[in-house]
Each structure stands twice: as structure tokens, then as C-alpha cells.
Amino acid sequence: VNEQALERAALNLRSAKGFFEVGTQPKSVVTRAEV
């Protein structure tokens, strides 16, 4: 269950970084995904 949660969190982190790089999401979104 927690490995699946890690996969979902890692996918969300990649999405958050992508949005931050194109300027659609702030840095705090990436930080929360990393947490």
C-alpha cells in the first residue's frame, strides 16, 4: 500500500515540477509534493 502511495506521490511530484517550470504553479506546490 505504501509503495503504491510512493508511486503516486512521485508522479505528483513530477507533475508539480512541470507546472512550476512553465510557471502555472508556485514553488510551494513542489515543496508540498516533495513532503
Full PDB file with SEQRES, HELIX, SHEET, SSBOND, CRYST1, ORIGX, SCALE, CONECT and MASTER records, all heavy atoms in Angstrom:
SEQRES   1 A   35  VAL ASN GLU GLN ALA LEU GLU ARG ALA ALA LEU ASN LEU          
SEQRES   2 A   35  ARG SER ALA LYS GLY PHE PHE GLU VAL GLY THR GLN PRO          
SEQRES   3 A   35  LYS SER VAL VAL THR ARG ALA GLU VAL                          
HELIX    1 AA1 ASN A    2  GLU A   21  1                                  20    
HELIX    2 AA2 LYS A   27  GLU A   34  1                                   8    
CRYST1    1.000    1.000    1.000  90.00  90.00  90.00 P 1           1          
ORIGX1      1.000000  0.000000  0.000000        0.00000                         
ORIGX2      0.000000  1.000000  0.000000        0.00000                         
ORIGX3      0.000000  0.000000  1.000000        0.00000                         
SCALE1      1.000000  0.000000  0.000000        0.00000                         
SCALE2      0.000000  1.000000  0.000000        0.00000                         
SCALE3      0.000000  0.000000  1.000000        0.00000                         
ATOM      1  N   VAL A   1       0.830  -1.205   0.000  1.00  0.00           N  
ATOM      2  CA  VAL A   1       0.000   0.000   0.000  1.00  0.00           C  
ATOM      3  C   VAL A   1       0.864   1.255   0.000  1.00  0.00           C  
ATOM      4  O   VAL A   1       0.617   2.207  -0.757  1.00  0.00           O  
ATOM      5  CB  VAL A   1      -0.946  -0.010   1.218  1.00  0.00           C  
ATOM      6  CG1 VAL A   1      -1.595   1.361   1.415  1.00  0.00           C  
ATOM      7  CG2 VAL A   1      -2.023  -1.070   1.043  1.00  0.00           C  
ATOM      8  N   ASN A   2       1.907   1.253   0.825  1.00  0.00           N  
ATOM      9  CA  ASN A   2       2.763   2.439   0.919  1.00  0.00           C  
ATOM     10  C   ASN A   2       3.679   2.578  -0.292  1.00  0.00           C  
ATOM     11  O   ASN A   2       4.055   3.697  -0.661  1.00  0.00           O  
ATOM     12  CB  ASN A   2       3.573   2.394   2.208  1.00  0.00           C  
ATOM     13  CG  ASN A   2       2.724   2.692   3.433  1.00  0.00           C  
ATOM     14  OD1 ASN A   2       2.319   3.827   3.667  1.00  0.00           O  
ATOM     15  ND2 ASN A   2       2.441   1.664   4.218  1.00  0.00           N  
ATOM     16  N   GLU A   3       4.046   1.467  -0.911  1.00  0.00           N  
ATOM     17  CA  GLU A   3       4.808   1.558  -2.163  1.00  0.00           C  
ATOM     18  C   GLU A   3       3.950   2.182  -3.266  1.00  0.00           C  
ATOM     19  O   GLU A   3       4.445   2.988  -4.075  1.00  0.00           O  
ATOM     20  CB  GLU A   3       5.296   0.171  -2.573  1.00  0.00           C  
ATOM     21  CG  GLU A   3       6.447  -0.344  -1.716  1.00  0.00           C  
ATOM     22  CD  GLU A   3       6.848  -1.769  -2.076  1.00  0.00           C  
ATOM     23  OE1 GLU A   3       6.059  -2.441  -2.774  1.00  0.00           O  
ATOM     24  OE2 GLU A   3       7.938  -2.201  -1.646  1.00  0.00           O  
ATOM     25  N   GLN A   4       2.674   1.792  -3.301  1.00  0.00           N  
ATOM     26  CA  GLN A   4       1.773   2.418  -4.273  1.00  0.00           C  
ATOM     27  C   GLN A   4       1.598   3.908  -3.973  1.00  0.00           C  
ATOM     28  O   GLN A   4       1.529   4.742  -4.893  1.00  0.00           O  
ATOM     29  CB  GLN A   4       0.422   1.705  -4.254  1.00  0.00           C  
ATOM     30  CG  GLN A   4       0.478   0.271  -4.763  1.00  0.00           C  
ATOM     31  CD  GLN A   4      -0.826  -0.471  -4.524  1.00  0.00           C  
ATOM     32  OE1 GLN A   4      -1.773   0.058  -3.940  1.00  0.00           O  
ATOM     33  NE2 GLN A   4      -0.882  -1.722  -5.000  1.00  0.00           N  
ATOM     34  N   ALA A   5       1.522   4.232  -2.659  1.00  0.00           N  
ATOM     35  CA  ALA A   5       1.412   5.642  -2.289  1.00  0.00           C  
ATOM     36  C   ALA A   5       2.652   6.414  -2.716  1.00  0.00           C  
ATOM     37  O   ALA A   5       2.566   7.586  -3.146  1.00  0.00           O  
ATOM     38  CB  ALA A   5       1.202   5.760  -0.776  1.00  0.00           C  
ATOM     39  N   LEU A   6       3.831   5.781  -2.596  1.00  0.00           N  
ATOM     40  CA  LEU A   6       5.066   6.437  -3.034  1.00  0.00           C  
ATOM     41  C   LEU A   6       5.063   6.661  -4.535  1.00  0.00           C  
ATOM     42  O   LEU A   6       5.500   7.721  -5.020  1.00  0.00           O  
ATOM     43  CB  LEU A   6       6.271   5.586  -2.618  1.00  0.00           C  
ATOM     44  CG  LEU A   6       7.639   6.107  -3.069  1.00  0.00           C  
ATOM     45  CD1 LEU A   6       7.902   7.497  -2.487  1.00  0.00           C  
ATOM     46  CD2 LEU A   6       8.744   5.137  -2.644  1.00  0.00           C  
ATOM     47  N   GLU A   7       4.570   5.690  -5.293  1.00  0.00           N  
ATOM     48  CA  GLU A   7       4.495   5.865  -6.754  1.00  0.00           C  
ATOM     49  C   GLU A   7       3.570   7.025  -7.109  1.00  0.00           C  
ATOM     50  O   GLU A   7       3.894   7.834  -7.999  1.00  0.00           O  
ATOM     51  CB  GLU A   7       3.998   4.562  -7.394  1.00  0.00           C  
ATOM     52  CG  GLU A   7       4.979   3.405  -7.284  1.00  0.00           C  
ATOM     53  CD  GLU A   7       4.393   2.113  -7.844  1.00  0.00           C  
ATOM     54  OE1 GLU A   7       3.220   2.150  -8.293  1.00  0.00           O  
ATOM     55  OE2 GLU A   7       5.090   1.087  -7.821  1.00  0.00           O  
ATOM     56  N   ARG A   8       2.430   7.128  -6.431  1.00  0.00           N  
ATOM     57  CA  ARG A   8       1.509   8.222  -6.717  1.00  0.00           C  
ATOM     58  C   ARG A   8       2.132   9.566  -6.322  1.00  0.00           C  
ATOM     59  O   ARG A   8       2.009  10.572  -7.048  1.00  0.00           O  
ATOM     60  CB  ARG A   8       0.188   8.017  -5.978  1.00  0.00           C  
ATOM     61  CG  ARG A   8      -0.628   6.849  -6.500  1.00  0.00           C  
ATOM     62  CD  ARG A   8      -2.034   6.864  -5.915  1.00  0.00           C  
ATOM     63  NE  ARG A   8      -2.013   6.682  -4.465  1.00  0.00           N  
ATOM     64  CZ  ARG A   8      -2.108   5.512  -3.861  1.00  0.00           C  
ATOM     65  NH1 ARG A   8      -2.194   4.391  -4.583  1.00  0.00           N  
ATOM     66  NH2 ARG A   8      -2.094   5.428  -2.543  1.00  0.00           N  
ATOM     67  N   ALA A   9       2.825   9.579  -5.166  1.00  0.00           N  
ATOM     68  CA  ALA A   9       3.454  10.826  -4.721  1.00  0.00           C  
ATOM     69  C   ALA A   9       4.569  11.250  -5.670  1.00  0.00           C  
ATOM     70  O   ALA A   9       4.741  12.452  -5.954  1.00  0.00           O  
ATOM     71  CB  ALA A   9       3.992  10.653  -3.305  1.00  0.00           C  
ATOM     72  N   ALA A  10       5.331  10.274  -6.168  1.00  0.00           N  
ATOM     73  CA  ALA A  10       6.404  10.605  -7.117  1.00  0.00           C  
ATOM     74  C   ALA A  10       5.833  11.140  -8.418  1.00  0.00           C  
ATOM     75  O   ALA A  10       6.392  12.092  -9.034  1.00  0.00           O  
ATOM     76  CB  ALA A  10       7.250   9.356  -7.371  1.00  0.00           C  
ATOM     77  N   LEU A  11       4.708  10.549  -8.873  1.00  0.00           N  
ATOM     78  CA  LEU A  11       4.069  11.043 -10.092  1.00  0.00           C  
ATOM     79  C   LEU A  11       3.555  12.471  -9.900  1.00  0.00           C  
ATOM     80  O   LEU A  11       3.729  13.344 -10.786  1.00  0.00           O  
ATOM     81  CB  LEU A  11       2.915  10.125 -10.470  1.00  0.00           C  
ATOM     82  CG  LEU A  11       2.099  10.520 -11.710  1.00  0.00           C  
ATOM     83  CD1 LEU A  11       2.990  10.563 -12.960  1.00  0.00           C  
ATOM     84  CD2 LEU A  11       0.928   9.559 -11.926  1.00  0.00           C  
ATOM     85  N   ASN A  12       2.987  12.721  -8.725  1.00  0.00           N  
ATOM     86  CA  ASN A  12       2.502  14.075  -8.454  1.00  0.00           C  
ATOM     87  C   ASN A  12       3.656  15.068  -8.360  1.00  0.00           C  
ATOM     88  O   ASN A  12       3.522  16.250  -8.767  1.00  0.00           O  
ATOM     89  CB  ASN A  12       1.698  14.098  -7.160  1.00  0.00           C  
ATOM     90  CG  ASN A  12       0.425  13.281  -7.272  1.00  0.00           C  
ATOM     91  OD1 ASN A  12      -0.097  13.088  -8.375  1.00  0.00           O  
ATOM     92  ND2 ASN A  12      -0.068  12.779  -6.141  1.00  0.00           N  
ATOM     93  N   LEU A  13       4.785  14.620  -7.848  1.00  0.00           N  
ATOM     94  CA  LEU A  13       5.952  15.500  -7.756  1.00  0.00           C  
ATOM     95  C   LEU A  13       6.444  15.877  -9.140  1.00  0.00           C  
ATOM     96  O   LEU A  13       6.789  17.045  -9.398  1.00  0.00           O  
ATOM     97  CB  LEU A  13       7.062  14.813  -6.953  1.00  0.00           C  
ATOM     98  CG  LEU A  13       8.375  15.588  -6.838  1.00  0.00           C  
ATOM     99  CD1 LEU A  13       8.154  16.960  -6.179  1.00  0.00           C  
ATOM    100  CD2 LEU A  13       9.409  14.783  -6.051  1.00  0.00           C  
ATOM    101  N   ARG A  14       6.451  14.903 -10.041  1.00  0.00           N  
ATOM    102  CA  ARG A  14       6.882  15.221 -11.414  1.00  0.00           C  
ATOM    103  C   ARG A  14       5.922  16.219 -12.065  1.00  0.00           C  
ATOM    104  O   ARG A  14       6.344  17.154 -12.772  1.00  0.00           O  
ATOM    105  CB  ARG A  14       6.968  13.933 -12.241  1.00  0.00           C  
ATOM    106  CG  ARG A  14       8.148  13.040 -11.860  1.00  0.00           C  
ATOM    107  CD  ARG A  14       8.392  11.981 -12.929  1.00  0.00           C  
ATOM    108  NE  ARG A  14       7.252  11.055 -13.027  1.00  0.00           N  
ATOM    109  CZ  ARG A  14       7.130   9.943 -12.326  1.00  0.00           C  
ATOM    110  NH1 ARG A  14       8.076   9.625 -11.441  1.00  0.00           N  
ATOM    111  NH2 ARG A  14       6.098   9.163 -12.494  1.00  0.00           N  
ATOM    112  N   SER A  15       4.621  16.020 -11.808  1.00  0.00           N  
ATOM    113  CA  SER A  15       3.648  16.961 -12.374  1.00  0.00           C  
ATOM    114  C   SER A  15       3.823  18.348 -11.784  1.00  0.00           C  
ATOM    115  O   SER A  15       3.764  19.382 -12.501  1.00  0.00           O  
ATOM    116  CB  SER A  15       2.224  16.452 -12.119  1.00  0.00           C  
ATOM    117  OG  SER A  15       2.013  15.203 -12.743  1.00  0.00           O  
ATOM    118  N   ALA A  16       4.051  18.416 -10.467  1.00  0.00           N  
ATOM    119  CA  ALA A  16       4.220  19.712  -9.809  1.00  0.00           C  
ATOM    120  C   ALA A  16       5.449  20.434 -10.342  1.00  0.00           C  
ATOM    121  O   ALA A  16       5.427  21.668 -10.564  1.00  0.00           O  
ATOM    122  CB  ALA A  16       4.322  19.520  -8.297  1.00  0.00           C  
ATOM    123  N   LYS A  17       6.549  19.708 -10.549  1.00  0.00           N  
ATOM    124  CA  LYS A  17       7.754  20.327 -11.095  1.00  0.00           C  
ATOM    125  C   LYS A  17       7.506  20.851 -12.503  1.00  0.00           C  
ATOM    126  O   LYS A  17       7.997  21.935 -12.887  1.00  0.00           O  
ATOM    127  CB  LYS A  17       8.904  19.329 -11.099  1.00  0.00           C  
ATOM    128  CG  LYS A  17       9.465  19.033  -9.705  1.00  0.00           C  
ATOM    129  CD  LYS A  17      10.624  18.049  -9.790  1.00  0.00           C  
ATOM    130  CE  LYS A  17      11.235  17.807  -8.395  1.00  0.00           C  
ATOM    131  NZ  LYS A  17      12.365  16.833  -8.456  1.00  0.00           N  
ATOM    132  N   GLY A  18       6.746  20.071 -13.277  1.00  0.00           N  
ATOM    133  CA  GLY A  18       6.450  20.526 -14.636  1.00  0.00           C  
ATOM    134  C   GLY A  18       5.629  21.799 -14.638  1.00  0.00           C  
ATOM    135  O   GLY A  18       5.902  22.738 -15.416  1.00  0.00           O  
ATOM    136  N   PHE A  19       4.620  21.853 -13.770  1.00  0.00           N  
ATOM    137  CA  PHE A  19       3.799  23.054 -13.694  1.00  0.00           C  
ATOM    138  C   PHE A  19       4.608  24.256 -13.195  1.00  0.00           C  
ATOM    139  O   PHE A  19       4.400  25.394 -13.637  1.00  0.00           O  
ATOM    140  CB  PHE A  19       2.597  22.827 -12.764  1.00  0.00           C  
ATOM    141  CG  PHE A  19       1.579  21.883 -13.337  1.00  0.00           C  
ATOM    142  CD1 PHE A  19       0.923  20.972 -12.514  1.00  0.00           C  
ATOM    143  CD2 PHE A  19       1.272  21.889 -14.685  1.00  0.00           C  
ATOM    144  CE1 PHE A  19      -0.012  20.101 -13.030  1.00  0.00           C  
ATOM    145  CE2 PHE A  19       0.324  21.019 -15.211  1.00  0.00           C  
ATOM    146  CZ  PHE A  19      -0.317  20.116 -14.378  1.00  0.00           C  
ATOM    147  N   PHE A  20       5.533  23.994 -12.266  1.00  0.00           N  
ATOM    148  CA  PHE A  20       6.358  25.090 -11.751  1.00  0.00           C  
ATOM    149  C   PHE A  20       7.295  25.625 -12.820  1.00  0.00           C  
ATOM    150  O   PHE A  20       7.520  26.844 -12.933  1.00  0.00           O  
ATOM    151  CB  PHE A  20       7.149  24.610 -10.541  1.00  0.00           C  
ATOM    152  CG  PHE A  20       8.164  25.597 -10.035  1.00  0.00           C  
ATOM    153  CD1 PHE A  20       7.770  26.765  -9.415  1.00  0.00           C  
ATOM    154  CD2 PHE A  20       9.533  25.362 -10.216  1.00  0.00           C  
ATOM    155  CE1 PHE A  20       8.713  27.689  -8.962  1.00  0.00           C  
ATOM    156  CE2 PHE A  20      10.471  26.275  -9.777  1.00  0.00           C  
ATOM    157  CZ  PHE A  20      10.061  27.436  -9.138  1.00  0.00           C  
ATOM    158  N   GLU A  21       7.828  24.706 -13.617  1.00  0.00           N  
ATOM    159  CA  GLU A  21       8.771  25.121 -14.653  1.00  0.00           C  
ATOM    160  C   GLU A  21       8.089  25.984 -15.716  1.00  0.00           C  
ATOM    161  O   GLU A  21       8.706  26.901 -16.275  1.00  0.00           O  
ATOM    162  CB  GLU A  21       9.414  23.895 -15.295  1.00  0.00           C  
ATOM    163  CG  GLU A  21      10.387  23.182 -14.351  1.00  0.00           C  
ATOM    164  CD  GLU A  21      10.890  21.865 -14.949  1.00  0.00           C  
ATOM    165  OE1 GLU A  21      10.434  21.517 -16.063  1.00  0.00           O  
ATOM    166  OE2 GLU A  21      11.737  21.220 -14.293  1.00  0.00           O  
ATOM    167  N   VAL A  22       6.811  25.703 -16.008  1.00  0.00           N  
ATOM    168  CA  VAL A  22       6.115  26.505 -17.015  1.00  0.00           C  
ATOM    169  C   VAL A  22       5.415  27.705 -16.379  1.00  0.00           C  
ATOM    170  O   VAL A  22       4.794  28.510 -17.076  1.00  0.00           O  
ATOM    171  CB  VAL A  22       5.089  25.651 -17.786  1.00  0.00           C  
ATOM    172  CG1 VAL A  22       5.785  24.517 -18.522  1.00  0.00           C  
ATOM    173  CG2 VAL A  22       4.018  25.097 -16.848  1.00  0.00           C  
ATOM    174  N   GLY A  23       5.519  27.815 -15.035  1.00  0.00           N  
ATOM    175  CA  GLY A  23       5.004  28.984 -14.343  1.00  0.00           C  
ATOM    176  C   GLY A  23       3.533  28.948 -13.995  1.00  0.00           C  
ATOM    177  O   GLY A  23       2.974  29.979 -13.596  1.00  0.00           O  
ATOM    178  N   THR A  24       2.892  27.761 -14.066  1.00  0.00           N  
ATOM    179  CA  THR A  24       1.462  27.683 -13.739  1.00  0.00           C  
ATOM    180  C   THR A  24       1.213  27.370 -12.268  1.00  0.00           C  
ATOM    181  O   THR A  24       0.068  27.495 -11.802  1.00  0.00           O  
ATOM    182  CB  THR A  24       0.776  26.612 -14.601  1.00  0.00           C  
ATOM    183  OG1 THR A  24       1.417  25.350 -14.381  1.00  0.00           O  
ATOM    184  CG2 THR A  24       0.849  26.989 -16.082  1.00  0.00           C  
ATOM    185  N   GLN A  25       2.240  26.914 -11.547  1.00  0.00           N  
ATOM    186  CA  GLN A  25       2.097  26.593 -10.128  1.00  0.00           C  
ATOM    187  C   GLN A  25       3.286  27.193  -9.375  1.00  0.00           C  
ATOM    188  O   GLN A  25       4.402  27.262  -9.909  1.00  0.00           O  
ATOM    189  CB  GLN A  25       2.061  25.072  -9.880  1.00  0.00           C  
ATOM    190  CG  GLN A  25       0.828  24.371 -10.429  1.00  0.00           C  
ATOM    191  CD  GLN A  25      -0.421  24.660  -9.627  1.00  0.00           C  
ATOM    192  OE1 GLN A  25      -0.363  25.282  -8.552  1.00  0.00           O  
ATOM    193  NE2 GLN A  25      -1.570  24.257 -10.150  1.00  0.00           N  
ATOM    194  N   PRO A  26       3.056  27.614  -8.117  1.00  0.00           N  
ATOM    195  CA  PRO A  26       4.162  28.207  -7.342  1.00  0.00           C  
ATOM    196  C   PRO A  26       5.105  27.122  -6.800  1.00  0.00           C  
ATOM    197  O   PRO A  26       4.822  25.923  -6.860  1.00  0.00           O  
ATOM    198  CB  PRO A  26       3.431  28.934  -6.208  1.00  0.00           C  
ATOM    199  CG  PRO A  26       2.166  28.161  -6.018  1.00  0.00           C  
ATOM    200  CD  PRO A  26       1.766  27.704  -7.393  1.00  0.00           C  
ATOM    201  N   LYS A  27       6.225  27.613  -6.248  1.00  0.00           N  
ATOM    202  CA  LYS A  27       7.228  26.708  -5.669  1.00  0.00           C  
ATOM    203  C   LYS A  27       6.655  25.895  -4.500  1.00  0.00           C  
ATOM    204  O   LYS A  27       7.068  24.750  -4.267  1.00  0.00           O  
ATOM    205  CB  LYS A  27       8.434  27.536  -5.196  1.00  0.00           C  
ATOM    206  CG  LYS A  27       9.535  26.735  -4.518  1.00  0.00           C  
ATOM    207  CD  LYS A  27      10.185  25.746  -5.469  1.00  0.00           C  
ATOM    208  CE  LYS A  27      11.363  25.051  -4.795  1.00  0.00           C  
ATOM    209  NZ  LYS A  27      11.987  24.047  -5.665  1.00  0.00           N  
ATOM    210  N   SER A  28       5.711  26.442  -3.756  1.00  0.00           N  
ATOM    211  CA  SER A  28       5.131  25.738  -2.610  1.00  0.00           C  
ATOM    212  C   SER A  28       4.454  24.437  -3.011  1.00  0.00           C  
ATOM    213  O   SER A  28       4.394  23.480  -2.237  1.00  0.00           O  
ATOM    214  CB  SER A  28       4.128  26.643  -1.887  1.00  0.00           C  
ATOM    215  OG  SER A  28       3.066  27.011  -2.765  1.00  0.00           O  
ATOM    216  N   VAL A  29       3.953  24.377  -4.244  1.00  0.00           N  
ATOM    217  CA  VAL A  29       3.331  23.133  -4.726  1.00  0.00           C  
ATOM    218  C   VAL A  29       4.376  22.036  -4.838  1.00  0.00           C  
ATOM    219  O   VAL A  29       4.154  20.886  -4.454  1.00  0.00           O  
ATOM    220  CB  VAL A  29       2.625  23.380  -6.069  1.00  0.00           C  
ATOM    221  CG1 VAL A  29       2.117  22.061  -6.658  1.00  0.00           C  
ATOM    222  CG2 VAL A  29       1.480  24.361  -5.892  1.00  0.00           C  
ATOM    223  N   VAL A  30       5.546  22.380  -5.363  1.00  0.00           N  
ATOM    224  CA  VAL A  30       6.636  21.403  -5.473  1.00  0.00           C  
ATOM    225  C   VAL A  30       7.095  20.967  -4.088  1.00  0.00           C  
ATOM    226  O   VAL A  30       7.324  19.779  -3.834  1.00  0.00           O  
ATOM    227  CB  VAL A  30       7.812  22.005  -6.271  1.00  0.00           C  
ATOM    228  CG1 VAL A  30       8.980  21.022  -6.329  1.00  0.00           C  
ATOM    229  CG2 VAL A  30       7.361  22.381  -7.672  1.00  0.00           C  
ATOM    230  N   THR A  31       7.210  21.935  -3.183  1.00  0.00           N  
ATOM    231  CA  THR A  31       7.644  21.609  -1.823  1.00  0.00           C  
ATOM    232  C   THR A  31       6.659  20.659  -1.152  1.00  0.00           C  
ATOM    233  O   THR A  31       7.058  19.691  -0.493  1.00  0.00           O  
ATOM    234  CB  THR A  31       7.795  22.895  -0.993  1.00  0.00           C  
ATOM    235  OG1 THR A  31       8.725  23.773  -1.648  1.00  0.00           O  
ATOM    236  CG2 THR A  31       8.289  22.571   0.402  1.00  0.00           C  
ATOM    237  N   ARG A  32       5.375  20.903  -1.297  1.00  0.00           N  
ATOM    238  CA  ARG A  32       4.378  20.019  -0.692  1.00  0.00           C  
ATOM    239  C   ARG A  32       4.436  18.617  -1.305  1.00  0.00           C  
ATOM    240  O   ARG A  32       4.325  17.610  -0.580  1.00  0.00           O  
ATOM    241  CB  ARG A  32       2.980  20.614  -0.882  1.00  0.00           C  
ATOM    242  CG  ARG A  32       1.864  19.773  -0.269  1.00  0.00           C  
ATOM    243  CD  ARG A  32       2.104  19.552   1.223  1.00  0.00           C  
ATOM    244  NE  ARG A  32       1.140  18.640   1.783  1.00  0.00           N  
ATOM    245  CZ  ARG A  32       0.020  19.025   2.396  1.00  0.00           C  
ATOM    246  NH1 ARG A  32      -0.270  20.327   2.464  1.00  0.00           N  
ATOM    247  NH2 ARG A  32      -0.800  18.153   2.903  1.00  0.00           N  
ATOM    248  N   ALA A  33       4.651  18.522  -2.593  1.00  0.00           N  
ATOM    249  CA  ALA A  33       4.769  17.219  -3.245  1.00  0.00           C  
ATOM    250  C   ALA A  33       6.012  16.472  -2.752  1.00  0.00           C  
ATOM    251  O   ALA A  33       5.996  15.245  -2.581  1.00  0.00           O  
ATOM    252  CB  ALA A  33       4.808  17.390  -4.760  1.00  0.00           C  
ATOM    253  N   GLU A  34       7.103  17.216  -2.530  1.00  0.00           N  
ATOM    254  CA  GLU A  34       8.317  16.578  -2.005  1.00  0.00           C  
ATOM    255  C   GLU A  34       8.093  16.052  -0.586  1.00  0.00           C  
ATOM    256  O   GLU A  34       8.606  14.982  -0.223  1.00  0.00           O  
ATOM    257  CB  GLU A  34       9.462  17.594  -2.027  1.00  0.00           C  
ATOM    258  CG  GLU A  34       9.953  17.929  -3.422  1.00  0.00           C  
ATOM    259  CD  GLU A  34      10.988  19.039  -3.418  1.00  0.00           C  
ATOM    260  OE1 GLU A  34      11.079  19.763  -2.393  1.00  0.00           O  
ATOM    261  OE2 GLU A  34      11.707  19.188  -4.409  1.00  0.00           O  
ATOM    262  N   VAL A  35       7.326  16.795   0.212  1.00  0.00           N  
ATOM    263  CA  VAL A  35       6.991  16.315   1.562  1.00  0.00           C  
ATOM    264  C   VAL A  35       6.195  15.019   1.487  1.00  0.00           C  
ATOM    265  O   VAL A  35       6.423  14.085   2.258  1.00  0.00           O  
ATOM    266  CB  VAL A  35       6.227  17.407   2.333  1.00  0.00           C  
ATOM    267  CG1 VAL A  35       5.680  16.841   3.648  1.00  0.00           C  
ATOM    268  CG2 VAL A  35       7.129  18.595   2.605  1.00  0.00           C  
TER     269      VAL A  35                                                      
MASTER        0    0    0    2    0    0    0    6  268    1    0    3          
END                                                                             
